[in-house]
Amino acid sequence: GQAITTAQLLAVLQQRRTHPQAGALLASVSAIDQPHPLCLRFLLRRPDYWLAHRLANLLCLLPHPQLADIGAGPFRLANAHPTLLRLEQYPGYHLQRPYLHAIEYWITAGPHAALRACLDAVRIQIGPDEGIQDSRRLKTSTSLGFGYMAINQRQGRLTSPQARYLLGLMRDAESFSALPLEEGITLRCEELLPDWPLPDYPATPCPLPPQLVLLTQPAAPLHQLARRLQSRLARLGCILELRFFAGKRWLDDALLAQADIILGDKRIGESPGATLDNWPRTDRLWPAILPSASYRDTLEQLNRQQQMADETSRLAALQRLYHTLMTQGYMAPLFNYRYQVSVPPRVNGIVLTAHGWFDFCQAWVPAPDEDCSSSD
């Protein structure tokens, strides 16, 4: 709970510069030093107007300088089990203390937990389940993040026309009917970001290889779309092998190289433009699906764009880059999630951040009513 010193911040940032993913975000930084006890100085090898946003990225999250697993905020991780996470306040904290002493996050499994795991992730109940009559909706919002489909053109098994046809096949009404839209959890994605339209994909059938491999992350809507695509391709004489990846971040380059079609989730933070600028730099997906020359060209374009002082021009250039990548058949968004968070009426001050995280620092519960308190 003690204040972190400037020297400790400097040491952690130097470590981040050598991290495989975080280092890519700080590639424009040539040096970091401490010219004053209360000042850090960043020396850049080229302008980077996204740098402040990069430092706010989760990959650059600054942990406790000595105990990286417990964090440096007002709460420490007291227990971590498969079904329970418990956060507790430090005995002392140098900034404003939260109102709550401890927070427990229980992961409860129902009879269909495996099937509905990711749907439950966007339907969250805070506090004990006291029935629908005693709960109210805290927040219902559509995330800018999206489930996506990517086509591996690096290995040469699929051409750009074939990739564009597969993206169109997955995005049409017949494929989307596989999603439980009536539950209000997923919404068809019509734009990459607001006012960033998607290209049109051809509906005319295109000859496909006799066999393809699809790799998907563990989200129920992605699994449902994968099985629908498998059924549709079978009618076209193409056998689609489904492979299920257990993690939420791509870690295995060999696994990605073997896949022709890749389904995954992309979270969008508080700065959508910075998030999409960072995506090809830090996600193993992009060097796995783009040919080497195309990947180098993409990074070069991003490096030129980051030097534009005007944010409107920077975003316009980024939009053109992604529109080109989608038009060439490398990737297309499929759906957005609608988060539904319910809490008991007495719980106040919980904030759902743009990253999909909960901020409990201002959460509070009023004192019990006098007629509800027990008398001894």
Protein backbone atom coordinates (compact mmCIF):
# COMPACT_ATOMS: atom_id res chain seq x y z
CA GLY A 1 0.00 0.00 0.00
CA GLN A 2 2.99 2.35 0.02
CA ALA A 3 3.65 4.91 -2.69
CA ILE A 4 5.77 3.73 -5.61
CA THR A 5 8.92 5.75 -6.18
CA THR A 6 10.03 7.20 -9.50
CA ALA A 7 13.06 4.91 -9.48
CA GLN A 8 10.79 1.88 -9.11
CA LEU A 9 8.64 3.09 -12.01
CA LEU A 10 11.75 3.51 -14.12
CA ALA A 11 12.93 -0.03 -13.32
CA VAL A 12 9.56 -1.54 -14.25
CA LEU A 13 9.36 0.43 -17.52
CA GLN A 14 12.87 -0.73 -18.45
CA GLN A 15 11.69 -4.31 -17.92
CA ARG A 16 8.68 -3.65 -20.14
CA ARG A 17 10.97 -2.52 -22.96
CA THR A 18 12.45 -6.04 -23.15
CA HIS A 19 9.09 -7.83 -22.90
CA PRO A 20 8.16 -9.61 -26.18
CA GLN A 21 4.79 -7.88 -26.60
CA ALA A 22 5.14 -4.73 -24.47
CA GLY A 23 8.49 -4.06 -26.13
CA ALA A 24 6.70 -3.79 -29.48
CA LEU A 25 4.51 -1.03 -28.04
CA LEU A 26 7.59 0.89 -26.88
CA ALA A 27 9.63 0.36 -30.06
CA SER A 28 9.77 4.12 -30.71
CA VAL A 29 11.39 4.70 -27.29
CA SER A 30 15.19 4.80 -27.46
CA ALA A 31 15.79 5.48 -23.75
CA ILE A 32 14.03 6.26 -20.47
CA ASP A 33 15.81 8.12 -17.66
CA GLN A 34 15.11 10.06 -14.47
CA PRO A 35 16.36 13.66 -14.71
CA HIS A 36 14.58 14.61 -11.46
CA PRO A 37 13.28 12.61 -8.45
CA LEU A 38 9.69 13.31 -9.58
CA CYS A 39 10.19 13.09 -13.35
CA LEU A 40 10.64 10.43 -16.01
CA ARG A 41 11.95 11.36 -19.45
CA PHE A 42 11.24 9.36 -22.63
CA LEU A 43 13.66 9.79 -25.53
CA LEU A 44 12.14 8.79 -28.88
CA ARG A 45 13.82 7.58 -32.05
CA ARG A 46 10.76 8.73 -34.01
CA PRO A 47 7.55 10.62 -33.12
CA ASP A 48 4.80 8.49 -31.60
CA TYR A 49 1.52 10.26 -30.89
CA TRP A 50 0.02 7.01 -29.60
CA LEU A 51 2.67 6.66 -26.85
CA ALA A 52 0.47 7.85 -23.99
CA HIS A 53 -2.18 5.33 -25.05
CA ARG A 54 0.44 2.58 -25.33
CA LEU A 55 1.57 3.22 -21.76
CA ALA A 56 -2.06 2.74 -20.68
CA ASN A 57 -2.24 -0.61 -22.49
CA LEU A 58 -2.67 -3.70 -20.32
CA LEU A 59 0.69 -5.00 -21.56
CA CYS A 60 2.32 -1.95 -19.95
CA LEU A 61 0.38 -2.33 -16.71
CA LEU A 62 2.76 -1.46 -13.87
CA PRO A 63 2.72 -4.14 -11.17
CA HIS A 64 4.13 -4.00 -7.67
CA PRO A 65 7.89 -3.44 -8.08
CA GLN A 66 8.86 -6.44 -5.94
CA LEU A 67 5.75 -8.66 -6.06
CA ALA A 68 4.48 -8.60 -9.63
CA ASP A 69 1.59 -10.98 -8.97
CA ILE A 70 -0.25 -8.80 -6.45
CA GLY A 71 -0.40 -5.44 -8.23
CA ALA A 72 0.19 -1.91 -6.97
CA GLY A 73 -3.36 -0.60 -6.42
CA PRO A 74 -5.40 -0.39 -3.20
CA PHE A 75 -6.28 -4.12 -3.32
CA ARG A 76 -4.01 -7.14 -3.08
CA LEU A 77 -4.78 -10.63 -4.34
CA ALA A 78 -5.41 -12.66 -1.19
CA ASN A 79 -6.66 -15.93 -2.69
CA ALA A 80 -6.60 -17.34 -6.21
CA HIS A 81 -8.38 -20.62 -6.86
CA PRO A 82 -10.21 -22.03 -9.90
CA THR A 83 -13.58 -21.09 -8.37
CA LEU A 84 -12.68 -18.10 -6.17
CA LEU A 85 -10.69 -14.88 -6.38
CA ARG A 86 -10.48 -12.77 -3.21
CA LEU A 87 -9.16 -9.21 -3.16
CA GLU A 88 -8.40 -7.45 0.13
CA GLN A 89 -7.35 -3.91 0.96
CA TYR A 90 -3.82 -3.30 2.10
CA PRO A 91 -3.67 -2.40 5.83
CA GLY A 92 -2.53 1.05 4.71
CA TYR A 93 -2.76 2.86 1.38
CA HIS A 94 -1.16 6.16 0.40
CA LEU A 95 -4.07 7.36 -1.76
CA GLN A 96 -7.84 7.41 -1.22
CA ARG A 97 -8.92 4.11 0.31
CA PRO A 98 -11.80 2.16 -1.22
CA TYR A 99 -14.98 1.82 0.82
CA LEU A 100 -15.01 -1.98 0.67
CA HIS A 101 -12.50 -4.09 2.58
CA ALA A 102 -12.70 -7.27 0.49
CA ILE A 103 -14.18 -8.50 -2.79
CA GLU A 104 -14.78 -12.13 -3.68
CA TYR A 105 -15.38 -13.33 -7.22
CA TRP A 106 -17.00 -16.76 -7.32
CA ILE A 107 -17.17 -18.75 -10.55
CA THR A 108 -20.20 -21.00 -10.30
CA ALA A 109 -20.82 -23.77 -12.79
CA GLY A 110 -24.26 -24.94 -13.85
CA PRO A 111 -25.22 -28.16 -15.63
CA HIS A 112 -24.40 -26.64 -19.04
CA ALA A 113 -21.31 -24.71 -17.95
CA ALA A 114 -19.08 -25.88 -20.77
CA LEU A 115 -21.55 -24.81 -23.45
CA ARG A 116 -22.52 -21.47 -21.92
CA ALA A 117 -19.20 -20.46 -20.37
CA CYS A 118 -18.64 -17.42 -22.57
CA LEU A 119 -22.28 -16.35 -22.55
CA ASP A 120 -22.11 -16.30 -18.77
CA ALA A 121 -19.00 -14.12 -19.04
CA VAL A 122 -21.13 -11.25 -20.40
CA ARG A 123 -24.02 -11.90 -17.99
CA ILE A 124 -22.67 -11.04 -14.59
CA GLN A 125 -24.48 -11.09 -11.24
CA ILE A 126 -22.89 -8.99 -8.48
CA GLY A 127 -23.87 -10.02 -4.98
CA PRO A 128 -25.95 -13.04 -3.96
CA ASP A 129 -28.63 -14.20 -6.37
CA GLU A 130 -31.72 -12.96 -4.53
CA GLY A 131 -34.10 -13.38 -7.42
CA ILE A 132 -35.03 -11.15 -10.31
CA GLN A 133 -37.40 -9.11 -8.13
CA ASP A 134 -34.53 -7.93 -5.92
CA SER A 135 -32.02 -7.15 -8.66
CA ARG A 136 -31.69 -4.25 -11.04
CA ARG A 137 -29.64 -3.79 -14.16
CA LEU A 138 -26.49 -1.81 -13.47
CA LYS A 139 -25.29 -1.52 -17.03
CA THR A 140 -26.21 -2.86 -20.43
CA SER A 141 -23.78 -1.85 -23.14
CA THR A 142 -22.59 -3.02 -26.51
CA SER A 143 -18.85 -3.56 -26.56
CA LEU A 144 -16.75 -2.11 -29.36
CA GLY A 145 -14.76 -5.33 -29.16
CA PHE A 146 -15.74 -8.07 -31.57
CA GLY A 147 -15.52 -11.69 -32.51
CA TYR A 148 -13.59 -11.96 -35.75
CA MET A 149 -12.71 -14.36 -38.53
CA ALA A 150 -9.20 -14.31 -40.01
CA ILE A 151 -7.92 -16.15 -43.08
CA ASN A 152 -4.36 -17.47 -43.24
CA GLN A 153 -2.94 -16.42 -46.62
CA ARG A 154 0.69 -16.66 -45.53
CA GLN A 155 0.93 -20.42 -46.17
CA GLY A 156 -0.42 -20.14 -49.73
CA ARG A 157 -3.24 -22.65 -49.25
CA LEU A 158 -5.93 -20.01 -49.81
CA THR A 159 -5.99 -17.17 -52.34
CA SER A 160 -7.41 -13.71 -51.73
CA PRO A 161 -10.63 -14.44 -53.73
CA GLN A 162 -11.15 -17.66 -51.75
CA ALA A 163 -10.55 -15.79 -48.49
CA ARG A 164 -13.06 -13.09 -49.41
CA TYR A 165 -15.65 -15.72 -50.33
CA LEU A 166 -15.18 -17.50 -46.98
CA LEU A 167 -15.58 -14.22 -45.08
CA GLY A 168 -18.77 -13.48 -46.99
CA LEU A 169 -20.06 -16.98 -46.33
CA MET A 170 -19.49 -16.60 -42.59
CA ARG A 171 -21.07 -13.15 -42.45
CA ASP A 172 -24.29 -13.94 -44.32
CA ALA A 173 -27.67 -14.51 -42.71
CA GLU A 174 -27.57 -18.32 -42.89
CA SER A 175 -24.37 -18.50 -40.84
CA PHE A 176 -25.51 -15.88 -38.33
CA SER A 177 -28.71 -17.79 -37.67
CA ALA A 178 -26.51 -20.16 -35.64
CA LEU A 179 -26.12 -17.49 -32.94
CA PRO A 180 -28.68 -17.18 -30.12
CA LEU A 181 -29.57 -13.61 -31.07
CA GLU A 182 -32.85 -13.81 -29.20
CA GLU A 183 -30.90 -13.80 -25.93
CA GLY A 184 -29.46 -10.38 -26.70
CA ILE A 185 -25.87 -11.43 -26.00
CA THR A 186 -24.41 -11.01 -29.49
CA LEU A 187 -25.18 -8.40 -32.13
CA ARG A 188 -24.17 -8.70 -35.77
CA CYS A 189 -21.19 -6.44 -36.42
CA GLU A 190 -21.86 -4.02 -39.29
CA GLU A 191 -18.79 -1.80 -38.77
CA LEU A 192 -15.25 -2.34 -37.57
CA LEU A 193 -15.64 0.79 -35.42
CA PRO A 194 -18.42 3.40 -35.56
CA ASP A 195 -18.36 4.98 -39.05
CA TRP A 196 -15.73 2.47 -40.25
CA PRO A 197 -17.81 0.47 -42.76
CA LEU A 198 -16.95 -3.04 -43.87
CA PRO A 199 -16.24 -3.95 -47.50
CA ASP A 200 -18.71 -6.01 -49.50
CA TYR A 201 -17.86 -9.68 -49.82
CA PRO A 202 -18.83 -11.78 -52.86
CA ALA A 203 -21.74 -14.21 -52.65
CA THR A 204 -20.76 -16.08 -55.82
CA PRO A 205 -19.34 -19.52 -54.92
CA CYS A 206 -15.59 -19.90 -55.34
CA PRO A 207 -13.79 -23.27 -55.71
CA LEU A 208 -12.21 -24.28 -52.40
CA PRO A 209 -9.56 -26.83 -51.39
CA PRO A 210 -10.95 -30.29 -50.49
CA GLN A 211 -9.94 -29.85 -46.84
CA LEU A 212 -9.39 -26.89 -44.53
CA VAL A 213 -8.53 -26.44 -40.84
CA LEU A 214 -10.35 -23.99 -38.53
CA LEU A 215 -8.85 -22.92 -35.19
CA THR A 216 -11.09 -21.15 -32.67
CA GLN A 217 -10.75 -19.56 -29.26
CA PRO A 218 -13.04 -20.71 -26.41
CA ALA A 219 -16.14 -18.58 -26.93
CA ALA A 220 -19.55 -20.21 -27.35
CA PRO A 221 -20.65 -17.93 -30.26
CA LEU A 222 -17.40 -18.69 -32.10
CA HIS A 223 -17.95 -22.43 -31.63
CA GLN A 224 -21.52 -22.14 -32.94
CA LEU A 225 -20.39 -20.23 -36.02
CA ALA A 226 -17.57 -22.72 -36.61
CA ARG A 227 -19.98 -25.66 -36.64
CA ARG A 228 -22.37 -23.82 -38.95
CA LEU A 229 -19.50 -23.06 -41.36
CA GLN A 230 -18.40 -26.70 -41.19
CA SER A 231 -21.89 -27.81 -42.23
CA ARG A 232 -22.08 -25.30 -45.08
CA LEU A 233 -18.64 -26.15 -46.46
CA ALA A 234 -19.49 -29.85 -46.37
CA ARG A 235 -22.32 -29.15 -48.81
CA LEU A 236 -19.74 -27.51 -51.08
CA GLY A 237 -17.47 -30.55 -50.98
CA CYS A 238 -14.94 -29.09 -48.52
CA ILE A 239 -14.15 -30.91 -45.26
CA LEU A 240 -13.55 -28.43 -42.43
CA GLU A 241 -11.59 -29.79 -39.47
CA LEU A 242 -12.35 -27.93 -36.22
CA ARG A 243 -9.61 -27.40 -33.65
CA PHE A 244 -10.35 -25.78 -30.30
CA PHE A 245 -7.75 -23.60 -28.59
CA ALA A 246 -8.00 -23.39 -24.79
CA GLY A 247 -6.52 -19.93 -24.23
CA LYS A 248 -7.75 -16.40 -24.88
CA ARG A 249 -4.44 -15.18 -26.36
CA TRP A 250 -2.65 -16.77 -29.28
CA LEU A 251 0.62 -18.24 -27.99
CA ASP A 252 1.55 -21.06 -30.38
CA ASP A 253 2.90 -19.93 -33.76
CA ALA A 254 2.97 -23.51 -35.08
CA LEU A 255 -0.72 -23.95 -34.23
CA LEU A 256 -1.63 -20.76 -36.09
CA ALA A 257 0.48 -21.78 -39.09
CA GLN A 258 -1.50 -25.03 -39.43
CA ALA A 259 -4.86 -23.23 -39.47
CA ASP A 260 -6.54 -21.89 -42.60
CA ILE A 261 -9.41 -20.14 -40.80
CA ILE A 262 -9.03 -18.55 -37.36
CA LEU A 263 -11.83 -17.37 -35.06
CA GLY A 264 -11.07 -15.18 -32.07
CA ASP A 265 -12.14 -12.29 -29.85
CA LYS A 266 -10.63 -8.81 -29.93
CA ARG A 267 -11.18 -6.46 -27.01
CA ILE A 268 -11.28 -2.73 -27.69
CA GLY A 269 -10.21 -0.42 -24.87
CA GLU A 270 -10.91 3.21 -24.10
CA SER A 271 -8.96 4.36 -27.17
CA PRO A 272 -10.17 2.26 -30.13
CA GLY A 273 -7.69 3.79 -32.56
CA ALA A 274 -4.70 3.05 -30.35
CA THR A 275 -6.00 -0.48 -29.75
CA LEU A 276 -6.19 -1.20 -33.48
CA ASP A 277 -2.78 0.38 -34.04
CA ASN A 278 -1.34 -1.96 -31.39
CA TRP A 279 -3.11 -5.10 -32.62
CA PRO A 280 -0.76 -6.07 -35.50
CA ARG A 281 2.26 -5.13 -33.37
CA THR A 282 1.47 -7.37 -30.39
CA ASP A 283 -0.82 -10.20 -31.53
CA ARG A 284 0.79 -13.35 -32.99
CA LEU A 285 -2.24 -13.63 -35.27
CA TRP A 286 -1.05 -11.04 -37.79
CA PRO A 287 2.45 -12.34 -38.62
CA ALA A 288 0.85 -15.79 -38.87
CA ILE A 289 -1.75 -14.85 -41.52
CA LEU A 290 -0.02 -12.08 -43.50
CA PRO A 291 2.72 -12.89 -46.01
CA SER A 292 6.10 -11.56 -44.83
CA ALA A 293 6.13 -8.61 -47.23
CA SER A 294 2.53 -7.66 -46.35
CA TYR A 295 3.28 -7.81 -42.63
CA ARG A 296 6.36 -5.59 -43.02
CA ASP A 297 4.34 -3.13 -45.11
CA THR A 298 1.59 -3.08 -42.46
CA LEU A 299 4.07 -2.23 -39.70
CA GLU A 300 5.71 0.43 -41.87
CA GLN A 301 2.33 2.05 -42.48
CA LEU A 302 1.56 1.99 -38.75
CA ASN A 303 4.94 3.57 -37.99
CA ARG A 304 4.25 6.37 -40.47
CA GLN A 305 0.75 6.94 -39.12
CA GLN A 306 1.89 7.23 -35.50
CA GLN A 307 3.98 10.27 -36.49
CA MET A 308 0.89 12.26 -37.58
CA ALA A 309 0.23 14.93 -34.97
CA ASP A 310 -3.40 15.39 -36.03
CA GLU A 311 -5.49 12.59 -34.52
CA THR A 312 -8.20 12.87 -37.19
CA SER A 313 -5.63 12.27 -39.94
CA ARG A 314 -4.07 9.46 -37.93
CA LEU A 315 -7.40 7.69 -37.52
CA ALA A 316 -8.32 8.20 -41.18
CA ALA A 317 -5.05 6.55 -42.25
CA LEU A 318 -5.64 3.69 -39.82
CA GLN A 319 -9.16 3.19 -41.19
CA ARG A 320 -7.80 2.99 -44.74
CA LEU A 321 -5.23 0.40 -43.68
CA TYR A 322 -7.82 -1.86 -42.03
CA HIS A 323 -10.24 -1.44 -44.91
CA THR A 324 -7.50 -2.65 -47.26
CA LEU A 325 -6.73 -5.65 -45.02
CA MET A 326 -10.42 -6.57 -44.88
CA THR A 327 -10.88 -6.06 -48.63
CA GLN A 328 -7.95 -8.39 -49.31
CA GLY A 329 -9.65 -11.06 -47.21
CA TYR A 330 -7.37 -11.22 -44.19
CA MET A 331 -9.93 -10.45 -41.50
CA ALA A 332 -13.53 -9.38 -40.86
CA PRO A 333 -15.43 -8.72 -37.61
CA LEU A 334 -18.45 -10.94 -37.02
CA PHE A 335 -20.35 -9.80 -33.92
CA ASN A 336 -20.23 -7.56 -30.86
CA TYR A 337 -21.06 -8.58 -27.30
CA ARG A 338 -23.72 -6.90 -25.15
CA TYR A 339 -22.63 -6.90 -21.51
CA GLN A 340 -25.45 -7.32 -19.00
CA VAL A 341 -24.50 -6.64 -15.38
CA SER A 342 -27.01 -6.97 -12.54
CA VAL A 343 -26.52 -5.99 -8.90
CA PRO A 344 -28.70 -5.94 -5.79
CA PRO A 345 -30.37 -2.54 -5.25
CA ARG A 346 -28.14 -1.70 -2.26
CA VAL A 347 -24.82 -1.98 -4.11
CA ASN A 348 -23.57 1.33 -5.53
CA GLY A 349 -20.57 2.80 -7.30
CA ILE A 350 -19.35 -0.16 -9.38
CA VAL A 351 -17.92 0.91 -12.74
CA LEU A 352 -17.54 -1.32 -15.80
CA THR A 353 -14.47 -0.08 -17.68
CA ALA A 354 -13.96 -0.08 -21.44
CA HIS A 355 -11.69 -3.11 -21.09
CA GLY A 356 -14.58 -5.09 -19.57
CA TRP A 357 -13.06 -4.90 -16.09
CA PHE A 358 -14.85 -3.88 -12.89
CA ASP A 359 -13.59 -0.92 -10.85
CA PHE A 360 -14.58 -1.42 -7.20
CA CYS A 361 -12.54 1.50 -5.80
CA GLN A 362 -15.67 3.65 -5.29
CA ALA A 363 -18.14 0.84 -4.56
CA TRP A 364 -20.18 1.14 -1.37
CA VAL A 365 -23.11 -0.44 0.43
CA PRO A 366 -25.38 1.70 2.66
CA ALA A 367 -25.94 0.86 6.30
CA PRO A 368 -28.85 -1.51 7.01
CA ASP A 369 -32.25 0.04 7.66
CA GLU A 370 -33.10 0.37 11.31
CA ASP A 371 -36.07 -1.97 11.01
CA CYS A 372 -33.77 -4.59 9.42
CA SER A 373 -31.11 -4.43 12.12
CA SER A 374 -31.22 -6.93 14.94
CA SER A 375 -31.43 -5.83 18.55
CA ASP A 376 -29.62 -7.70 21.30
